[in-house]
Amino acid sequence: MNKTLTEAQDVFLGKVNHICNRFGLNNIMAQLYAVLYLNNKPLSLNEMVERLKISKASVSINIRMLERYSMVRRVWVKGSRKDYYEAEADIAKVIIDRVKSMAQSRLLEVDDMLMSSYSILDSVASSNKEEKEAMEVFRQRLDRLTKLQRKGHTFFKLLNSGLVNLRG
């Protein structure tokens, strides 16, 4: 490969690492996706190992994660028995899918936090007036968070329904 092209791709890889970390991808996943995205042909695991100078085991583990996220797919290459991969070229789809996945995870974490908090609060018995007032304030704030959480779930359902087109 042309040295200047490799250098340009390396700069791109560095920037992609930074961005992908914010989307819950580790550096190796980001680099694998970027290398595949920038290539005009599918790459084998060995080619990715050589390009990124990382272990084959690391490439194998991380490429499977990218497959699960639908960011890359295995493709057949005529005349070869090796596994080849190519990136999902629709970057908007990749980003939207990651945002949806992250949003769903955070919504579930907040659901768990609210349920746990309500459960503990409901189990507390106090005759002290000051504690009762503090518990009431806590419950009111949990109620506000619950309303916000419901809006988050509604927005997420709307996003998944296809009625909101973020790719247009």
N, C-alpha and C. Protein backbone atom coordinates (compact mmCIF):
# COMPACT_ATOMS: atom_id res chain seq x y z
N MET A 1 0.86 -1.18 0.00
CA MET A 1 0.00 0.00 0.00
C MET A 1 0.90 1.24 0.00
N ASN A 2 0.47 2.27 -0.65
CA ASN A 2 1.17 3.55 -0.71
C ASN A 2 1.40 4.08 0.70
N LYS A 3 2.65 4.52 0.98
CA LYS A 3 3.00 4.99 2.33
C LYS A 3 2.15 6.19 2.76
N THR A 4 1.90 7.13 1.86
CA THR A 4 1.10 8.30 2.18
C THR A 4 -0.34 7.91 2.50
N LEU A 5 -0.88 6.96 1.73
CA LEU A 5 -2.24 6.49 2.00
C LEU A 5 -2.30 5.82 3.36
N THR A 6 -1.30 5.02 3.68
CA THR A 6 -1.24 4.37 4.99
C THR A 6 -1.19 5.40 6.11
N GLU A 7 -0.39 6.44 5.93
CA GLU A 7 -0.30 7.49 6.94
C GLU A 7 -1.64 8.20 7.11
N ALA A 8 -2.31 8.49 6.01
CA ALA A 8 -3.63 9.14 6.08
C ALA A 8 -4.62 8.24 6.81
N GLN A 9 -4.57 6.95 6.51
CA GLN A 9 -5.47 6.01 7.19
C GLN A 9 -5.13 5.92 8.67
N ASP A 10 -3.85 5.98 9.02
CA ASP A 10 -3.45 5.94 10.43
C ASP A 10 -3.99 7.14 11.21
N VAL A 11 -3.98 8.31 10.60
CA VAL A 11 -4.56 9.50 11.24
C VAL A 11 -6.05 9.27 11.45
N PHE A 12 -6.71 8.76 10.42
CA PHE A 12 -8.14 8.45 10.50
C PHE A 12 -8.39 7.45 11.63
N LEU A 13 -7.57 6.39 11.70
CA LEU A 13 -7.73 5.37 12.74
C LEU A 13 -7.66 5.98 14.14
N GLY A 14 -6.72 6.89 14.32
CA GLY A 14 -6.58 7.54 15.63
C GLY A 14 -7.82 8.31 16.01
N LYS A 15 -8.38 9.04 15.08
CA LYS A 15 -9.59 9.82 15.34
C LYS A 15 -10.79 8.90 15.56
N VAL A 16 -10.87 7.83 14.79
CA VAL A 16 -11.98 6.88 14.93
C VAL A 16 -11.93 6.24 16.31
N ASN A 17 -10.73 5.90 16.79
CA ASN A 17 -10.60 5.33 18.14
C ASN A 17 -11.27 6.22 19.17
N HIS A 18 -10.96 7.49 19.11
CA HIS A 18 -11.50 8.45 20.07
C HIS A 18 -13.03 8.50 19.99
N ILE A 19 -13.56 8.58 18.80
CA ILE A 19 -15.01 8.66 18.62
C ILE A 19 -15.68 7.36 19.05
N CYS A 20 -15.14 6.24 18.62
CA CYS A 20 -15.75 4.94 18.92
C CYS A 20 -15.75 4.62 20.41
N ASN A 21 -14.74 5.08 21.12
CA ASN A 21 -14.73 4.86 22.57
C ASN A 21 -15.98 5.46 23.21
N ARG A 22 -16.43 6.56 22.69
CA ARG A 22 -17.64 7.20 23.22
C ARG A 22 -18.90 6.41 22.90
N PHE A 23 -18.80 5.50 21.92
CA PHE A 23 -19.93 4.66 21.54
C PHE A 23 -19.81 3.25 22.12
N GLY A 24 -18.93 3.09 23.10
CA GLY A 24 -18.83 1.81 23.78
C GLY A 24 -17.99 0.76 23.07
N LEU A 25 -17.17 1.17 22.12
CA LEU A 25 -16.31 0.22 21.43
C LEU A 25 -14.88 0.40 21.92
N ASN A 26 -14.17 -0.70 22.08
CA ASN A 26 -12.77 -0.59 22.49
C ASN A 26 -11.91 -0.19 21.28
N ASN A 27 -10.65 0.11 21.54
CA ASN A 27 -9.75 0.59 20.47
C ASN A 27 -9.57 -0.42 19.35
N ILE A 28 -9.48 -1.68 19.69
CA ILE A 28 -9.27 -2.70 18.66
C ILE A 28 -10.50 -2.80 17.77
N MET A 29 -11.68 -2.79 18.37
CA MET A 29 -12.90 -2.83 17.57
C MET A 29 -12.97 -1.63 16.64
N ALA A 30 -12.63 -0.46 17.16
CA ALA A 30 -12.65 0.76 16.34
C ALA A 30 -11.67 0.65 15.19
N GLN A 31 -10.47 0.17 15.47
CA GLN A 31 -9.46 0.04 14.41
C GLN A 31 -9.88 -0.98 13.36
N LEU A 32 -10.42 -2.11 13.80
CA LEU A 32 -10.87 -3.13 12.85
C LEU A 32 -11.97 -2.57 11.95
N TYR A 33 -12.95 -1.91 12.55
CA TYR A 33 -14.02 -1.35 11.75
C TYR A 33 -13.46 -0.33 10.74
N ALA A 34 -12.59 0.54 11.21
CA ALA A 34 -12.04 1.59 10.33
C ALA A 34 -11.23 0.99 9.19
N VAL A 35 -10.40 -0.01 9.48
CA VAL A 35 -9.61 -0.64 8.43
C VAL A 35 -10.51 -1.28 7.38
N LEU A 36 -11.54 -1.97 7.85
CA LEU A 36 -12.46 -2.60 6.90
C LEU A 36 -13.27 -1.55 6.13
N TYR A 37 -13.66 -0.50 6.81
CA TYR A 37 -14.45 0.57 6.18
C TYR A 37 -13.65 1.26 5.07
N LEU A 38 -12.37 1.44 5.31
CA LEU A 38 -11.53 2.15 4.35
C LEU A 38 -11.06 1.28 3.18
N ASN A 39 -11.16 -0.04 3.32
CA ASN A 39 -10.69 -0.91 2.26
C ASN A 39 -11.74 -1.11 1.17
N ASN A 40 -11.25 -1.25 -0.03
CA ASN A 40 -12.15 -1.45 -1.17
C ASN A 40 -12.44 -2.92 -1.43
N LYS A 41 -11.90 -3.79 -0.57
CA LYS A 41 -12.17 -5.22 -0.71
C LYS A 41 -12.21 -5.85 0.69
N PRO A 42 -12.87 -6.98 0.81
CA PRO A 42 -12.90 -7.67 2.11
C PRO A 42 -11.48 -8.08 2.51
N LEU A 43 -11.26 -8.18 3.81
CA LEU A 43 -9.96 -8.57 4.35
C LEU A 43 -10.09 -9.84 5.18
N SER A 44 -9.03 -10.64 5.13
CA SER A 44 -8.97 -11.84 5.97
C SER A 44 -8.47 -11.43 7.36
N LEU A 45 -8.63 -12.35 8.30
CA LEU A 45 -8.11 -12.10 9.64
C LEU A 45 -6.60 -11.84 9.59
N ASN A 46 -5.90 -12.63 8.80
CA ASN A 46 -4.44 -12.46 8.69
C ASN A 46 -4.08 -11.07 8.14
N GLU A 47 -4.83 -10.58 7.18
CA GLU A 47 -4.56 -9.25 6.63
C GLU A 47 -4.80 -8.17 7.68
N MET A 48 -5.82 -8.35 8.50
CA MET A 48 -6.09 -7.38 9.57
C MET A 48 -4.99 -7.43 10.63
N VAL A 49 -4.51 -8.64 10.95
CA VAL A 49 -3.41 -8.80 11.91
C VAL A 49 -2.19 -8.05 11.40
N GLU A 50 -1.87 -8.27 10.14
CA GLU A 50 -0.69 -7.62 9.54
C GLU A 50 -0.85 -6.11 9.50
N ARG A 51 -2.01 -5.63 9.14
CA ARG A 51 -2.23 -4.17 9.01
C ARG A 51 -2.17 -3.48 10.36
N LEU A 52 -2.78 -4.08 11.38
CA LEU A 52 -2.87 -3.42 12.69
C LEU A 52 -1.77 -3.84 13.66
N LYS A 53 -1.01 -4.87 13.32
CA LYS A 53 0.08 -5.34 14.18
C LYS A 53 -0.44 -5.75 15.56
N ILE A 54 -1.50 -6.54 15.55
CA ILE A 54 -2.07 -7.07 16.79
C ILE A 54 -2.23 -8.58 16.64
N SER A 55 -2.50 -9.26 17.73
CA SER A 55 -2.58 -10.72 17.68
C SER A 55 -3.83 -11.19 16.94
N LYS A 56 -3.71 -12.37 16.38
CA LYS A 56 -4.84 -12.96 15.66
C LYS A 56 -6.00 -13.24 16.62
N ALA A 57 -5.67 -13.64 17.84
CA ALA A 57 -6.73 -13.91 18.83
C ALA A 57 -7.51 -12.64 19.11
N SER A 58 -6.82 -11.54 19.24
CA SER A 58 -7.48 -10.26 19.50
C SER A 58 -8.36 -9.85 18.33
N VAL A 59 -7.86 -10.04 17.13
CA VAL A 59 -8.66 -9.73 15.94
C VAL A 59 -9.89 -10.61 15.91
N SER A 60 -9.72 -11.89 16.16
CA SER A 60 -10.83 -12.84 16.11
C SER A 60 -11.93 -12.51 17.12
N ILE A 61 -11.53 -12.25 18.34
CA ILE A 61 -12.49 -11.92 19.40
C ILE A 61 -13.25 -10.64 19.07
N ASN A 62 -12.53 -9.62 18.66
CA ASN A 62 -13.15 -8.32 18.42
C ASN A 62 -13.97 -8.28 17.13
N ILE A 63 -13.57 -9.06 16.14
CA ILE A 63 -14.35 -9.09 14.89
C ILE A 63 -15.71 -9.75 15.15
N ARG A 64 -15.72 -10.74 16.05
CA ARG A 64 -17.01 -11.38 16.41
C ARG A 64 -17.94 -10.40 17.11
N MET A 65 -17.36 -9.55 17.95
CA MET A 65 -18.19 -8.52 18.60
C MET A 65 -18.76 -7.56 17.56
N LEU A 66 -17.93 -7.17 16.61
CA LEU A 66 -18.41 -6.27 15.55
C LEU A 66 -19.50 -6.93 14.71
N GLU A 67 -19.38 -8.23 14.51
CA GLU A 67 -20.45 -8.97 13.80
C GLU A 67 -21.75 -8.90 14.60
N ARG A 68 -21.66 -9.11 15.92
CA ARG A 68 -22.86 -9.05 16.76
C ARG A 68 -23.52 -7.68 16.70
N TYR A 69 -22.71 -6.64 16.59
CA TYR A 69 -23.23 -5.28 16.49
C TYR A 69 -23.65 -4.92 15.06
N SER A 70 -23.54 -5.87 14.14
CA SER A 70 -23.88 -5.66 12.72
C SER A 70 -23.04 -4.55 12.08
N MET A 71 -21.83 -4.41 12.56
CA MET A 71 -20.93 -3.40 11.99
C MET A 71 -20.05 -4.00 10.90
N VAL A 72 -19.83 -5.31 10.96
CA VAL A 72 -19.09 -6.01 9.92
C VAL A 72 -19.84 -7.30 9.61
N ARG A 73 -19.53 -7.86 8.46
CA ARG A 73 -20.13 -9.15 8.09
C ARG A 73 -19.08 -10.01 7.42
N ARG A 74 -19.22 -11.30 7.61
CA ARG A 74 -18.34 -12.27 6.98
C ARG A 74 -18.80 -12.42 5.53
N VAL A 75 -17.86 -12.46 4.62
CA VAL A 75 -18.19 -12.62 3.20
C VAL A 75 -17.37 -13.76 2.61
N TRP A 76 -17.89 -14.33 1.56
CA TRP A 76 -17.23 -15.41 0.87
C TRP A 76 -16.37 -14.81 -0.24
N VAL A 77 -15.15 -15.30 -0.36
CA VAL A 77 -14.25 -14.87 -1.43
C VAL A 77 -13.93 -16.11 -2.26
N LYS A 78 -14.26 -16.04 -3.53
CA LYS A 78 -14.08 -17.18 -4.43
C LYS A 78 -12.63 -17.65 -4.42
N GLY A 79 -12.46 -18.95 -4.29
CA GLY A 79 -11.13 -19.55 -4.34
C GLY A 79 -10.39 -19.56 -3.01
N SER A 80 -11.01 -19.09 -1.95
CA SER A 80 -10.34 -19.06 -0.65
C SER A 80 -11.19 -19.75 0.41
N ARG A 81 -10.50 -20.39 1.33
CA ARG A 81 -11.21 -21.04 2.43
C ARG A 81 -11.14 -20.21 3.71
N LYS A 82 -10.44 -19.08 3.63
CA LYS A 82 -10.31 -18.20 4.79
C LYS A 82 -11.59 -17.42 5.01
N ASP A 83 -11.73 -16.92 6.24
CA ASP A 83 -12.84 -16.01 6.54
C ASP A 83 -12.43 -14.60 6.14
N TYR A 84 -13.30 -13.94 5.41
CA TYR A 84 -13.09 -12.54 5.01
C TYR A 84 -14.21 -11.70 5.57
N TYR A 85 -13.91 -10.44 5.81
CA TYR A 85 -14.88 -9.53 6.41
C TYR A 85 -14.90 -8.21 5.66
N GLU A 86 -16.07 -7.60 5.70
CA GLU A 86 -16.20 -6.25 5.18
C GLU A 86 -17.05 -5.44 6.16
N ALA A 87 -16.84 -4.14 6.15
CA ALA A 87 -17.57 -3.26 7.07
C ALA A 87 -18.93 -2.92 6.50
N GLU A 88 -19.87 -2.65 7.39
CA GLU A 88 -21.15 -2.05 6.99
C GLU A 88 -20.81 -0.65 6.48
N ALA A 89 -21.09 -0.40 5.22
CA ALA A 89 -20.69 0.88 4.60
C ALA A 89 -21.62 2.03 4.98
N ASP A 90 -22.82 1.70 5.44
CA ASP A 90 -23.78 2.75 5.83
C ASP A 90 -23.44 3.21 7.25
N ILE A 91 -22.59 4.21 7.33
CA ILE A 91 -22.09 4.68 8.63
C ILE A 91 -23.24 5.23 9.48
N ALA A 92 -24.24 5.82 8.86
CA ALA A 92 -25.39 6.33 9.62
C ALA A 92 -26.10 5.18 10.33
N LYS A 93 -26.27 4.06 9.65
CA LYS A 93 -26.90 2.88 10.25
C LYS A 93 -26.08 2.40 11.45
N VAL A 94 -24.77 2.35 11.29
CA VAL A 94 -23.89 1.89 12.36
C VAL A 94 -24.04 2.79 13.58
N ILE A 95 -24.00 4.09 13.37
CA ILE A 95 -24.09 5.04 14.48
C ILE A 95 -25.45 4.96 15.16
N ILE A 96 -26.51 4.93 14.37
CA ILE A 96 -27.86 4.87 14.94
C ILE A 96 -28.06 3.58 15.73
N ASP A 97 -27.58 2.47 15.19
CA ASP A 97 -27.71 1.20 15.90
C ASP A 97 -26.96 1.23 17.24
N ARG A 98 -25.75 1.83 17.26
CA ARG A 98 -25.00 1.92 18.51
C ARG A 98 -25.70 2.84 19.50
N VAL A 99 -26.23 3.96 19.03
CA VAL A 99 -26.95 4.89 19.92
C VAL A 99 -28.17 4.18 20.51
N LYS A 100 -28.90 3.45 19.69
CA LYS A 100 -30.07 2.71 20.19
C LYS A 100 -29.66 1.69 21.24
N SER A 101 -28.60 0.96 20.97
CA SER A 101 -28.13 -0.06 21.90
C SER A 101 -27.71 0.56 23.23
N MET A 102 -26.98 1.65 23.14
CA MET A 102 -26.53 2.33 24.37
C MET A 102 -27.72 2.90 25.14
N ALA A 103 -28.67 3.49 24.42
CA ALA A 103 -29.85 4.05 25.07
C ALA A 103 -30.64 2.96 25.78
N GLN A 104 -30.82 1.84 25.12
CA GLN A 104 -31.56 0.75 25.73
C GLN A 104 -30.86 0.26 27.00
N SER A 105 -29.56 0.13 26.96
CA SER A 105 -28.81 -0.30 28.14
C SER A 105 -28.97 0.68 29.29
N ARG A 106 -28.85 1.97 28.99
CA ARG A 106 -28.98 2.99 30.05
C ARG A 106 -30.40 3.00 30.61
N LEU A 107 -31.40 2.86 29.76
CA LEU A 107 -32.79 2.83 30.24
C LEU A 107 -33.00 1.66 31.20
N LEU A 108 -32.44 0.50 30.86
CA LEU A 108 -32.58 -0.66 31.74
C LEU A 108 -31.85 -0.45 33.07
N GLU A 109 -30.70 0.20 33.02
CA GLU A 109 -29.97 0.50 34.26
C GLU A 109 -30.77 1.44 35.15
N VAL A 110 -31.41 2.45 34.55
CA VAL A 110 -32.22 3.39 35.33
C VAL A 110 -33.46 2.68 35.88
N ASP A 111 -34.06 1.79 35.08
CA ASP A 111 -35.20 1.00 35.57
C ASP A 111 -34.80 0.25 36.84
N ASP A 112 -33.65 -0.41 36.80
CA ASP A 112 -33.17 -1.18 37.94
C ASP A 112 -32.91 -0.27 39.14
N MET A 113 -32.29 0.88 38.89
CA MET A 113 -31.99 1.82 39.98
C MET A 113 -33.28 2.30 40.64
N LEU A 114 -34.28 2.63 39.84
CA LEU A 114 -35.55 3.12 40.40
C LEU A 114 -36.26 2.02 41.19
N MET A 115 -36.30 0.81 40.64
CA MET A 115 -36.96 -0.29 41.35
C MET A 115 -36.27 -0.57 42.68
N SER A 116 -34.96 -0.59 42.68
CA SER A 116 -34.21 -0.84 43.91
C SER A 116 -34.45 0.27 44.93
N SER A 117 -34.43 1.50 44.45
CA SER A 117 -34.61 2.64 45.35
C SER A 117 -36.00 2.64 45.96
N TYR A 118 -37.03 2.41 45.14
CA TYR A 118 -38.39 2.34 45.67
C TYR A 118 -38.52 1.20 46.67
N SER A 119 -37.95 0.06 46.35
CA SER A 119 -38.05 -1.11 47.23
C SER A 119 -37.44 -0.82 48.60
N ILE A 120 -36.27 -0.23 48.61
CA ILE A 120 -35.61 0.09 49.88
C ILE A 120 -36.41 1.16 50.62
N LEU A 121 -36.85 2.17 49.91
CA LEU A 121 -37.62 3.24 50.54
C LEU A 121 -38.91 2.69 51.16
N ASP A 122 -39.57 1.77 50.46
CA ASP A 122 -40.81 1.19 50.96
C ASP A 122 -40.58 0.33 52.21
N SER A 123 -39.38 -0.17 52.38
CA SER A 123 -39.11 -1.05 53.52
C SER A 123 -38.69 -0.27 54.78
N VAL A 124 -38.46 1.02 54.62
CA VAL A 124 -38.01 1.84 55.76
C VAL A 124 -39.23 2.31 56.56
N ALA A 125 -39.16 2.10 57.83
CA ALA A 125 -40.21 2.58 58.73
C ALA A 125 -39.57 3.56 59.70
N SER A 126 -40.15 4.73 59.77
CA SER A 126 -39.58 5.73 60.67
C SER A 126 -40.71 6.49 61.35
N SER A 127 -40.48 6.78 62.60
CA SER A 127 -41.45 7.59 63.35
C SER A 127 -40.92 9.00 63.53
N ASN A 128 -39.70 9.21 63.17
CA ASN A 128 -39.07 10.51 63.28
C ASN A 128 -39.60 11.43 62.18
N LYS A 129 -40.10 12.62 62.58
CA LYS A 129 -40.71 13.55 61.63
C LYS A 129 -39.72 14.00 60.55
N GLU A 130 -38.50 14.31 60.95
CA GLU A 130 -37.49 14.79 60.00
C GLU A 130 -37.15 13.70 58.97
N GLU A 131 -37.03 12.46 59.42
CA GLU A 131 -36.75 11.35 58.50
C GLU A 131 -37.92 11.13 57.54
N LYS A 132 -39.16 11.24 58.07
CA LYS A 132 -40.33 11.08 57.22
C LYS A 132 -40.35 12.13 56.12
N GLU A 133 -40.01 13.37 56.47
CA GLU A 133 -39.96 14.44 55.47
C GLU A 133 -38.88 14.17 54.43
N ALA A 134 -37.72 13.71 54.88
CA ALA A 134 -36.63 13.39 53.96
C ALA A 134 -37.03 12.25 53.03
N MET A 135 -37.74 11.26 53.59
CA MET A 135 -38.20 10.13 52.77
C MET A 135 -39.22 10.60 51.75
N GLU A 136 -40.08 11.53 52.13
CA GLU A 136 -41.09 12.05 51.21
C GLU A 136 -40.43 12.83 50.06
N VAL A 137 -39.43 13.61 50.38
CA VAL A 137 -38.70 14.34 49.33
C VAL A 137 -38.02 13.35 48.39
N PHE A 138 -37.41 12.32 48.97
CA PHE A 138 -36.75 11.30 48.17
C PHE A 138 -37.76 10.63 47.23
N ARG A 139 -38.93 10.28 47.78
CA ARG A 139 -39.96 9.64 46.96
C ARG A 139 -40.43 10.57 45.84
N GLN A 140 -40.61 11.84 46.13
CA GLN A 140 -41.03 12.80 45.10
C GLN A 140 -39.99 12.90 43.98
N ARG A 141 -38.74 12.88 44.37
CA ARG A 141 -37.67 12.97 43.35
C ARG A 141 -37.59 11.68 42.54
N LEU A 142 -37.81 10.55 43.18
CA LEU A 142 -37.88 9.29 42.45
C LEU A 142 -39.06 9.30 41.48
N ASP A 143 -40.19 9.86 41.93
CA ASP A 143 -41.36 9.96 41.06
C ASP A 143 -41.06 10.81 39.82
N ARG A 144 -40.33 11.91 40.01
CA ARG A 144 -39.95 12.76 38.87
C ARG A 144 -39.05 12.00 37.91
N LEU A 145 -38.10 11.28 38.48
CA LEU A 145 -37.21 10.47 37.64
C LEU A 145 -37.98 9.39 36.89
N THR A 146 -38.99 8.81 37.54
CA THR A 146 -39.81 7.79 36.91
C THR A 146 -40.57 8.37 35.72
N LYS A 147 -41.10 9.57 35.87
CA LYS A 147 -41.79 10.22 34.75
C LYS A 147 -40.83 10.47 33.60
N LEU A 148 -39.64 10.93 33.92
CA LEU A 148 -38.63 11.15 32.88
C LEU A 148 -38.24 9.82 32.23
N GLN A 149 -38.12 8.78 33.02
CA GLN A 149 -37.78 7.46 32.50
C GLN A 149 -38.86 6.97 31.53
N ARG A 150 -40.12 7.18 31.86
CA ARG A 150 -41.22 6.78 30.97
C ARG A 150 -41.12 7.52 29.64
N LYS A 151 -40.77 8.80 29.69
CA LYS A 151 -40.58 9.57 28.46
C LYS A 151 -39.43 9.00 27.64
N GLY A 152 -38.36 8.59 28.34
CA GLY A 152 -37.23 7.97 27.66
C GLY A 152 -37.64 6.69 26.96
N HIS A 153 -38.43 5.87 27.63
CA HIS A 153 -38.92 4.62 27.02
C HIS A 153 -39.82 4.93 25.82
N THR A 154 -40.67 5.93 25.95
CA THR A 154 -41.56 6.31 24.85
C THR A 154 -40.74 6.78 23.65
N PHE A 155 -39.74 7.61 23.90
CA PHE A 155 -38.88 8.08 22.82
C PHE A 155 -38.15 6.92 22.17
N PHE A 156 -37.66 5.99 22.98
CA PHE A 156 -36.95 4.83 22.46
C PHE A 156 -37.87 3.99 21.58
N LYS A 157 -39.11 3.78 22.01
CA LYS A 157 -40.07 3.02 21.21
C LYS A 157 -40.34 3.74 19.89
N LEU A 158 -40.46 5.05 19.95
CA LEU A 158 -40.68 5.85 18.74
C LEU A 158 -39.48 5.72 17.80
N LEU A 159 -38.30 5.78 18.33
CA LEU A 159 -37.08 5.64 17.54
C LEU A 159 -37.03 4.28 16.86
N ASN A 160 -37.41 3.24 17.58
CA ASN A 160 -37.40 1.88 17.02
C ASN A 160 -38.55 1.61 16.07
N SER A 161 -39.60 2.42 16.14
CA SER A 161 -40.77 2.19 15.29
C SER A 161 -40.51 2.54 13.83
N GLY A 162 -39.50 3.34 13.59
CA GLY A 162 -39.23 3.77 12.22
C GLY A 162 -39.94 5.07 11.85
N LEU A 163 -40.78 5.58 12.76
CA LEU A 163 -41.47 6.83 12.47
C LEU A 163 -40.53 8.02 12.47
N VAL A 164 -39.45 7.90 13.23
CA VAL A 164 -38.43 8.94 13.26
C VAL A 164 -37.30 8.47 12.37
N ASN A 165 -37.03 9.19 11.29
CA ASN A 165 -35.97 8.82 10.37
C ASN A 165 -34.77 9.73 10.59
N LEU A 166 -33.74 9.20 11.22
CA LEU A 166 -32.54 9.97 11.49
C LEU A 166 -31.53 9.86 10.35
N ARG A 167 -31.79 9.03 9.37
CA ARG A 167 -30.82 8.80 8.31
C ARG A 167 -31.11 9.62 7.05
N GLY A 168 -32.24 10.26 6.99
CA GLY A 168 -32.67 10.97 5.79
C GLY A 168 -31.83 12.08 5.40
